[in-house]
Amino acid sequence: MQYSKTVAALFLLCSFLLLKSCAAQTNLVEGELDTVTKENLQYYLYYPETYEAEKDASFGLLLFLHGGGEAGRDLRALTSDGPPKMLVEGKQFPFLVLAPQNPHKKKWWNTQAVMQLLDSVVANSRVNPKQIYLTGLSRGGSAAWELATQYPDTFAAMAVVCGMTPIPYAHWIDKHMPIWVFHGDQDEVIPVSESDDMVQKLTAMGYNVKYTRYENVGHNAWSKAYTNDELYEWFTLQERKD
């Protein structure tokens, strides 16, 4: 008799749980929504001196992403570092330079919006789609790594200065894209180990990686990296392979 009561109780419990499960599933609905990424991006766009004269020529383009200190709504802040700083000082480049500004002081780069801007510039300028280069410093360097993993078929070459690295997703980066990494060994903001570990992993997987590890240099490794003419000569030698 006790056995029968136990079986009956278990049956009632299972029936109750089954009914609850079915009831829960009736609240599970399927849905679909097309989202649109919107961002107001101010930017600088530089054209080489020969752009207007060489009407039938196409040019490379360097996409530069600044660090956190230059974020906001004052576009002039971009001229404090990197290629924009060199341009206002009179430097001439053989390719276009696109330098957008992250409008948010305390938010990450909206990389989808950056790509929309890049696509628009490429569509409306005489840009060789096989010679689009990517670079960034600090927070912008971290965003450059993100772009390389999310859009592996876009860039011909990439140079990253003291950026945080997406080590678990290193294999998403196009294996044919040359990479040049810069970092100061005394960096207290983004540890040099970020670049050490990423370069080690990429090298082990057979990637074409150059690494410049500055001794006795802190977070401002960009001061040395972007005044190195060899970097820009290196960019011009690269072309994306389909």
C-alpha atoms as a PDB file:
ATOM      1  CA  MET A   1       0.000   0.000   0.000  1.00  0.00           C
ATOM      2  CA  GLN A   2       2.826   2.405   0.886  1.00  0.00           C
ATOM      3  CA  TYR A   3       4.520   1.606  -2.435  1.00  0.00           C
ATOM      4  CA  SER A   4       1.345   2.497  -4.343  1.00  0.00           C
ATOM      5  CA  LYS A   5       1.070   5.821  -2.530  1.00  0.00           C
ATOM      6  CA  THR A   6       4.690   6.611  -3.390  1.00  0.00           C
ATOM      7  CA  VAL A   7       4.167   5.819  -7.064  1.00  0.00           C
ATOM      8  CA  ALA A   8       1.019   7.937  -7.113  1.00  0.00           C
ATOM      9  CA  ALA A   9       2.831  10.849  -5.494  1.00  0.00           C
ATOM     10  CA  LEU A  10       5.655  10.640  -8.017  1.00  0.00           C
ATOM     11  CA  PHE A  11       3.159  10.520 -10.853  1.00  0.00           C
ATOM     12  CA  LEU A  12       1.392  13.626  -9.556  1.00  0.00           C
ATOM     13  CA  LEU A  13       4.733  15.440  -9.136  1.00  0.00           C
ATOM     14  CA  CYS A  14       5.862  14.586 -12.671  1.00  0.00           C
ATOM     15  CA  SER A  15       2.496  15.667 -14.072  1.00  0.00           C
ATOM     16  CA  PHE A  16       2.763  18.969 -12.189  1.00  0.00           C
ATOM     17  CA  LEU A  17       6.290  19.649 -13.467  1.00  0.00           C
ATOM     18  CA  LEU A  18       5.262  18.748 -17.021  1.00  0.00           C
ATOM     19  CA  LEU A  19       2.318  21.142 -16.868  1.00  0.00           C
ATOM     20  CA  LYS A  20       4.586  23.913 -15.511  1.00  0.00           C
ATOM     21  CA  SER A  21       7.092  23.244 -18.315  1.00  0.00           C
ATOM     22  CA  CYS A  22       4.373  23.451 -20.951  1.00  0.00           C
ATOM     23  CA  ALA A  23       3.031  26.641 -19.391  1.00  0.00           C
ATOM     24  CA  ALA A  24       6.518  28.194 -19.419  1.00  0.00           C
ATOM     25  CA  GLN A  25       6.979  27.327 -23.080  1.00  0.00           C
ATOM     26  CA  THR A  26       3.772  29.128 -24.001  1.00  0.00           C
ATOM     27  CA  ASN A  27       5.510  32.362 -22.846  1.00  0.00           C
ATOM     28  CA  LEU A  28       8.531  31.742 -25.081  1.00  0.00           C
ATOM     29  CA  VAL A  29       7.976  33.642 -28.313  1.00  0.00           C
ATOM     30  CA  GLU A  30      10.142  34.027 -31.392  1.00  0.00           C
ATOM     31  CA  GLY A  31      10.986  37.449 -32.748  1.00  0.00           C
ATOM     32  CA  GLU A  32      13.128  39.297 -35.256  1.00  0.00           C
ATOM     33  CA  LEU A  33      14.194  42.936 -35.540  1.00  0.00           C
ATOM     34  CA  ASP A  34      16.458  44.784 -37.975  1.00  0.00           C
ATOM     35  CA  THR A  35      18.537  47.188 -35.861  1.00  0.00           C
ATOM     36  CA  VAL A  36      20.254  50.304 -37.174  1.00  0.00           C
ATOM     37  CA  THR A  37      23.490  51.639 -35.704  1.00  0.00           C
ATOM     38  CA  LYS A  38      23.541  55.427 -35.597  1.00  0.00           C
ATOM     39  CA  GLU A  39      26.410  57.657 -34.504  1.00  0.00           C
ATOM     40  CA  ASN A  40      27.396  61.230 -35.201  1.00  0.00           C
ATOM     41  CA  LEU A  41      31.045  61.036 -36.193  1.00  0.00           C
ATOM     42  CA  GLN A  42      33.124  64.114 -36.858  1.00  0.00           C
ATOM     43  CA  TYR A  43      36.293  63.417 -38.793  1.00  0.00           C
ATOM     44  CA  TYR A  44      39.296  64.755 -40.618  1.00  0.00           C
ATOM     45  CA  LEU A  45      39.944  63.545 -44.153  1.00  0.00           C
ATOM     46  CA  TYR A  46      43.254  64.262 -45.839  1.00  0.00           C
ATOM     47  CA  TYR A  47      43.851  63.966 -49.582  1.00  0.00           C
ATOM     48  CA  PRO A  48      47.394  63.683 -51.013  1.00  0.00           C
ATOM     49  CA  GLU A  49      48.740  66.660 -52.947  1.00  0.00           C
ATOM     50  CA  THR A  50      48.622  64.694 -56.198  1.00  0.00           C
ATOM     51  CA  TYR A  51      45.004  63.572 -55.758  1.00  0.00           C
ATOM     52  CA  GLU A  52      43.464  66.300 -57.934  1.00  0.00           C
ATOM     53  CA  ALA A  53      46.207  66.238 -60.553  1.00  0.00           C
ATOM     54  CA  GLU A  54      46.100  62.479 -61.074  1.00  0.00           C
ATOM     55  CA  LYS A  55      42.461  62.154 -62.100  1.00  0.00           C
ATOM     56  CA  ASP A  56      42.764  58.551 -63.254  1.00  0.00           C
ATOM     57  CA  ALA A  57      44.746  57.275 -60.299  1.00  0.00           C
ATOM     58  CA  SER A  58      43.470  55.464 -57.226  1.00  0.00           C
ATOM     59  CA  PHE A  59      45.064  55.891 -53.816  1.00  0.00           C
ATOM     60  CA  GLY A  60      45.516  54.018 -50.600  1.00  0.00           C
ATOM     61  CA  LEU A  61      43.769  55.117 -47.403  1.00  0.00           C
ATOM     62  CA  LEU A  62      44.937  55.026 -43.796  1.00  0.00           C
ATOM     63  CA  LEU A  63      42.223  54.785 -41.129  1.00  0.00           C
ATOM     64  CA  PHE A  64      43.510  56.224 -37.847  1.00  0.00           C
ATOM     65  CA  LEU A  65      41.732  55.719 -34.499  1.00  0.00           C
ATOM     66  CA  HIS A  66      42.779  58.012 -31.653  1.00  0.00           C
ATOM     67  CA  GLY A  67      43.081  57.278 -27.937  1.00  0.00           C
ATOM     68  CA  GLY A  68      40.674  58.011 -25.109  1.00  0.00           C
ATOM     69  CA  GLY A  69      42.109  61.440 -24.351  1.00  0.00           C
ATOM     70  CA  GLU A  70      41.006  62.825 -27.715  1.00  0.00           C
ATOM     71  CA  ALA A  71      37.382  61.667 -27.478  1.00  0.00           C
ATOM     72  CA  GLY A  72      34.590  64.235 -27.347  1.00  0.00           C
ATOM     73  CA  ARG A  73      33.343  66.997 -29.617  1.00  0.00           C
ATOM     74  CA  ASP A  74      36.447  69.127 -30.096  1.00  0.00           C
ATOM     75  CA  LEU A  75      37.811  67.852 -33.391  1.00  0.00           C
ATOM     76  CA  ARG A  76      41.016  69.830 -32.895  1.00  0.00           C
ATOM     77  CA  ALA A  77      41.960  67.397 -30.115  1.00  0.00           C
ATOM     78  CA  LEU A  78      42.809  64.844 -32.792  1.00  0.00           C
ATOM     79  CA  THR A  79      45.787  66.912 -33.888  1.00  0.00           C
ATOM     80  CA  SER A  80      47.641  66.212 -30.639  1.00  0.00           C
ATOM     81  CA  ASP A  81      48.931  62.781 -31.662  1.00  0.00           C
ATOM     82  CA  GLY A  82      49.534  60.411 -34.549  1.00  0.00           C
ATOM     83  CA  PRO A  83      49.110  61.137 -38.264  1.00  0.00           C
ATOM     84  CA  PRO A  84      46.729  64.134 -37.709  1.00  0.00           C
ATOM     85  CA  LYS A  85      49.428  65.828 -35.611  1.00  0.00           C
ATOM     86  CA  MET A  86      51.987  65.209 -38.336  1.00  0.00           C
ATOM     87  CA  LEU A  87      49.642  66.593 -40.986  1.00  0.00           C
ATOM     88  CA  VAL A  88      49.157  69.917 -39.209  1.00  0.00           C
ATOM     89  CA  GLU A  89      52.944  70.070 -38.831  1.00  0.00           C
ATOM     90  CA  GLY A  90      53.322  69.785 -42.611  1.00  0.00           C
ATOM     91  CA  LYS A  91      53.820  66.067 -43.186  1.00  0.00           C
ATOM     92  CA  GLN A  92      52.661  64.824 -46.597  1.00  0.00           C
ATOM     93  CA  PHE A  93      51.384  61.302 -47.078  1.00  0.00           C
ATOM     94  CA  PRO A  94      50.992  59.446 -50.396  1.00  0.00           C
ATOM     95  CA  PHE A  95      47.579  58.114 -49.325  1.00  0.00           C
ATOM     96  CA  LEU A  96      44.357  59.475 -47.886  1.00  0.00           C
ATOM     97  CA  VAL A  97      44.118  59.698 -44.107  1.00  0.00           C
ATOM     98  CA  LEU A  98      40.728  59.271 -42.430  1.00  0.00           C
ATOM     99  CA  ALA A  99      40.646  60.217 -38.738  1.00  0.00           C
ATOM    100  CA  PRO A 100      37.203  59.996 -37.096  1.00  0.00           C
ATOM    101  CA  GLN A 101      36.541  61.168 -33.545  1.00  0.00           C
ATOM    102  CA  ASN A 102      34.859  59.032 -30.915  1.00  0.00           C
ATOM    103  CA  PRO A 103      32.212  61.427 -29.503  1.00  0.00           C
ATOM    104  CA  HIS A 104      31.995  59.580 -26.186  1.00  0.00           C
ATOM    105  CA  LYS A 105      34.599  60.251 -23.496  1.00  0.00           C
ATOM    106  CA  LYS A 106      33.677  57.149 -21.500  1.00  0.00           C
ATOM    107  CA  LYS A 107      32.398  54.794 -24.156  1.00  0.00           C
ATOM    108  CA  TRP A 108      34.079  52.364 -26.480  1.00  0.00           C
ATOM    109  CA  TRP A 109      34.526  53.076 -30.151  1.00  0.00           C
ATOM    110  CA  ASN A 110      31.391  52.287 -32.176  1.00  0.00           C
ATOM    111  CA  THR A 111      33.233  50.157 -34.713  1.00  0.00           C
ATOM    112  CA  GLN A 112      30.138  49.544 -36.832  1.00  0.00           C
ATOM    113  CA  ALA A 113      29.726  53.296 -37.278  1.00  0.00           C
ATOM    114  CA  VAL A 114      33.423  53.640 -38.112  1.00  0.00           C
ATOM    115  CA  MET A 115      33.037  51.039 -40.844  1.00  0.00           C
ATOM    116  CA  GLN A 116      30.006  52.860 -42.243  1.00  0.00           C
ATOM    117  CA  LEU A 117      32.071  56.044 -42.420  1.00  0.00           C
ATOM    118  CA  LEU A 118      34.962  54.214 -44.050  1.00  0.00           C
ATOM    119  CA  ASP A 119      32.672  52.633 -46.641  1.00  0.00           C
ATOM    120  CA  SER A 120      31.187  56.041 -47.445  1.00  0.00           C
ATOM    121  CA  VAL A 121      34.601  57.662 -47.950  1.00  0.00           C
ATOM    122  CA  VAL A 122      35.811  54.781 -50.107  1.00  0.00           C
ATOM    123  CA  ALA A 123      32.649  54.948 -52.226  1.00  0.00           C
ATOM    124  CA  ASN A 124      33.011  58.690 -52.800  1.00  0.00           C
ATOM    125  CA  SER A 125      36.777  58.913 -53.308  1.00  0.00           C
ATOM    126  CA  ARG A 126      39.272  57.286 -55.625  1.00  0.00           C
ATOM    127  CA  VAL A 127      40.460  54.720 -53.087  1.00  0.00           C
ATOM    128  CA  ASN A 128      42.076  51.445 -54.037  1.00  0.00           C
ATOM    129  CA  PRO A 129      40.055  48.918 -51.966  1.00  0.00           C
ATOM    130  CA  LYS A 130      43.108  46.678 -51.793  1.00  0.00           C
ATOM    131  CA  GLN A 131      45.176  49.386 -50.104  1.00  0.00           C
ATOM    132  CA  ILE A 132      43.160  50.312 -47.023  1.00  0.00           C
ATOM    133  CA  TYR A 133      45.386  50.453 -43.951  1.00  0.00           C
ATOM    134  CA  LEU A 134      44.414  50.455 -40.276  1.00  0.00           C
ATOM    135  CA  THR A 135      46.115  51.958 -37.242  1.00  0.00           C
ATOM    136  CA  GLY A 136      45.218  53.131 -33.767  1.00  0.00           C
ATOM    137  CA  LEU A 137      46.700  53.993 -30.392  1.00  0.00           C
ATOM    138  CA  SER A 138      45.613  53.020 -26.875  1.00  0.00           C
ATOM    139  CA  ARG A 139      41.789  52.821 -26.898  1.00  0.00           C
ATOM    140  CA  GLY A 140      41.947  53.312 -30.662  1.00  0.00           C
ATOM    141  CA  GLY A 141      44.518  50.533 -30.877  1.00  0.00           C
ATOM    142  CA  SER A 142      42.140  48.244 -29.033  1.00  0.00           C
ATOM    143  CA  ALA A 143      39.408  49.197 -31.511  1.00  0.00           C
ATOM    144  CA  ALA A 144      41.790  48.492 -34.384  1.00  0.00           C
ATOM    145  CA  TRP A 145      42.265  44.944 -33.111  1.00  0.00           C
ATOM    146  CA  GLU A 146      38.479  44.632 -32.908  1.00  0.00           C
ATOM    147  CA  LEU A 147      38.055  45.824 -36.491  1.00  0.00           C
ATOM    148  CA  ALA A 148      40.659  43.340 -37.664  1.00  0.00           C
ATOM    149  CA  THR A 149      38.741  40.464 -36.095  1.00  0.00           C
ATOM    150  CA  GLN A 150      35.276  41.631 -37.163  1.00  0.00           C
ATOM    151  CA  TYR A 151      36.173  42.765 -40.711  1.00  0.00           C
ATOM    152  CA  PRO A 152      39.073  40.518 -41.741  1.00  0.00           C
ATOM    153  CA  ASP A 153      38.552  41.051 -45.475  1.00  0.00           C
ATOM    154  CA  THR A 154      38.902  44.844 -45.395  1.00  0.00           C
ATOM    155  CA  PHE A 155      42.444  45.872 -44.517  1.00  0.00           C
ATOM    156  CA  ALA A 156      45.740  45.428 -46.334  1.00  0.00           C
ATOM    157  CA  ALA A 157      47.868  46.009 -43.222  1.00  0.00           C
ATOM    158  CA  MET A 158      47.518  47.055 -39.609  1.00  0.00           C
ATOM    159  CA  ALA A 159      49.721  48.855 -37.086  1.00  0.00           C
ATOM    160  CA  VAL A 160      48.607  48.895 -33.447  1.00  0.00           C
ATOM    161  CA  VAL A 161      50.176  51.030 -30.733  1.00  0.00           C
ATOM    162  CA  CYS A 162      49.705  49.955 -27.081  1.00  0.00           C
ATOM    163  CA  GLY A 163      46.208  48.518 -27.520  1.00  0.00           C
ATOM    164  CA  MET A 164      44.358  45.847 -25.573  1.00  0.00           C
ATOM    165  CA  THR A 165      44.301  42.638 -27.567  1.00  0.00           C
ATOM    166  CA  PRO A 166      41.573  40.065 -28.367  1.00  0.00           C
ATOM    167  CA  ILE A 167      43.812  37.056 -27.765  1.00  0.00           C
ATOM    168  CA  PRO A 168      41.009  34.418 -27.823  1.00  0.00           C
ATOM    169  CA  TYR A 169      39.951  35.665 -31.263  1.00  0.00           C
ATOM    170  CA  ALA A 170      43.375  36.083 -32.818  1.00  0.00           C
ATOM    171  CA  HIS A 171      42.602  33.380 -35.367  1.00  0.00           C
ATOM    172  CA  TRP A 172      39.760  35.505 -36.784  1.00  0.00           C
ATOM    173  CA  ILE A 173      42.296  37.977 -38.215  1.00  0.00           C
ATOM    174  CA  ASP A 174      43.180  37.526 -41.879  1.00  0.00           C
ATOM    175  CA  LYS A 175      46.336  35.453 -41.925  1.00  0.00           C
ATOM    176  CA  HIS A 176      47.572  37.236 -45.046  1.00  0.00           C
ATOM    177  CA  MET A 177      47.443  40.716 -43.461  1.00  0.00           C
ATOM    178  CA  PRO A 178      50.825  42.044 -42.251  1.00  0.00           C
ATOM    179  CA  ILE A 179      50.723  43.412 -38.692  1.00  0.00           C
ATOM    180  CA  TRP A 180      53.090  45.762 -36.873  1.00  0.00           C
ATOM    181  CA  VAL A 181      52.718  46.071 -33.103  1.00  0.00           C
ATOM    182  CA  PHE A 182      54.251  48.820 -30.937  1.00  0.00           C
ATOM    183  CA  HIS A 183      54.313  48.954 -27.121  1.00  0.00           C
ATOM    184  CA  GLY A 184      56.371  50.501 -24.338  1.00  0.00           C
ATOM    185  CA  ASP A 185      57.728  48.068 -21.762  1.00  0.00           C
ATOM    186  CA  GLN A 186      56.913  50.477 -18.896  1.00  0.00           C
ATOM    187  CA  ASP A 187      53.268  50.996 -19.872  1.00  0.00           C
ATOM    188  CA  GLU A 188      51.170  51.245 -16.685  1.00  0.00           C
ATOM    189  CA  VAL A 189      47.837  51.825 -18.484  1.00  0.00           C
ATOM    190  CA  ILE A 190      47.755  48.892 -20.881  1.00  0.00           C
ATOM    191  CA  PRO A 191      50.453  46.400 -19.840  1.00  0.00           C
ATOM    192  CA  VAL A 192      53.009  45.413 -22.423  1.00  0.00           C
ATOM    193  CA  SER A 193      52.025  41.799 -21.730  1.00  0.00           C
ATOM    194  CA  GLU A 194      48.902  42.448 -23.833  1.00  0.00           C
ATOM    195  CA  SER A 195      51.063  42.865 -26.940  1.00  0.00           C
ATOM    196  CA  ASP A 196      53.636  40.278 -25.833  1.00  0.00           C
ATOM    197  CA  ASP A 197      51.013  37.558 -25.581  1.00  0.00           C
ATOM    198  CA  MET A 198      49.196  38.549 -28.781  1.00  0.00           C
ATOM    199  CA  VAL A 199      52.386  38.664 -30.832  1.00  0.00           C
ATOM    200  CA  GLN A 200      53.462  35.302 -29.422  1.00  0.00           C
ATOM    201  CA  LYS A 201      50.146  33.722 -30.341  1.00  0.00           C
ATOM    202  CA  LEU A 202      50.019  35.208 -33.839  1.00  0.00           C
ATOM    203  CA  THR A 203      53.620  34.196 -34.513  1.00  0.00           C
ATOM    204  CA  ALA A 204      52.923  30.643 -33.370  1.00  0.00           C
ATOM    205  CA  MET A 205      50.031  30.495 -35.854  1.00  0.00           C
ATOM    206  CA  GLY A 206      52.234  31.655 -38.723  1.00  0.00           C
ATOM    207  CA  TYR A 207      51.106  35.282 -39.031  1.00  0.00           C
ATOM    208  CA  ASN A 208      53.330  37.975 -40.519  1.00  0.00           C
ATOM    209  CA  VAL A 209      53.984  40.103 -37.416  1.00  0.00           C
ATOM    210  CA  LYS A 210      56.568  42.785 -36.640  1.00  0.00           C
ATOM    211  CA  TYR A 211      56.994  43.834 -33.025  1.00  0.00           C
ATOM    212  CA  THR A 212      58.665  47.001 -31.779  1.00  0.00           C
ATOM    213  CA  ARG A 213      58.937  46.841 -27.988  1.00  0.00           C
ATOM    214  CA  TYR A 214      60.324  50.129 -26.723  1.00  0.00           C
ATOM    215  CA  GLU A 215      62.563  49.994 -23.659  1.00  0.00           C
ATOM    216  CA  ASN A 216      61.939  52.461 -20.808  1.00  0.00           C
ATOM    217  CA  VAL A 217      58.843  53.864 -22.542  1.00  0.00           C
ATOM    218  CA  GLY A 218      55.460  54.225 -20.865  1.00  0.00           C
ATOM    219  CA  HIS A 219      51.989  54.459 -22.335  1.00  0.00           C
ATOM    220  CA  ASN A 220      52.902  57.136 -24.881  1.00  0.00           C
ATOM    221  CA  ALA A 221      54.636  54.725 -27.243  1.00  0.00           C
ATOM    222  CA  TRP A 222      52.810  56.516 -30.060  1.00  0.00           C
ATOM    223  CA  SER A 223      55.285  59.420 -29.852  1.00  0.00           C
ATOM    224  CA  LYS A 224      57.975  57.136 -31.251  1.00  0.00           C
ATOM    225  CA  ALA A 225      55.803  54.871 -33.376  1.00  0.00           C
ATOM    226  CA  TYR A 226      54.094  57.543 -35.486  1.00  0.00           C
ATOM    227  CA  THR A 227      57.222  59.611 -36.113  1.00  0.00           C
ATOM    228  CA  ASN A 228      58.896  56.574 -37.661  1.00  0.00           C
ATOM    229  CA  ASP A 229      58.879  57.162 -41.440  1.00  0.00           C
ATOM    230  CA  GLU A 230      59.556  53.468 -41.951  1.00  0.00           C
ATOM    231  CA  LEU A 231      56.009  52.759 -40.761  1.00  0.00           C
ATOM    232  CA  TYR A 232      54.422  54.725 -43.607  1.00  0.00           C
ATOM    233  CA  GLU A 233      56.811  53.287 -46.175  1.00  0.00           C
ATOM    234  CA  TRP A 234      55.832  49.842 -44.888  1.00  0.00           C
ATOM    235  CA  PHE A 235      52.137  50.652 -45.326  1.00  0.00           C
ATOM    236  CA  THR A 236      52.591  51.670 -48.961  1.00  0.00           C
ATOM    237  CA  LEU A 237      54.217  48.327 -49.756  1.00  0.00           C
ATOM    238  CA  GLN A 238      51.189  46.353 -48.633  1.00  0.00           C
ATOM    239  CA  GLU A 239      48.262  45.259 -50.762  1.00  0.00           C
ATOM    240  CA  ARG A 240      45.410  43.036 -49.671  1.00  0.00           C
ATOM    241  CA  LYS A 241      45.328  39.597 -51.211  1.00  0.00           C
ATOM    242  CA  ASP A 242      41.915  38.205 -52.135  1.00  0.00           C
END
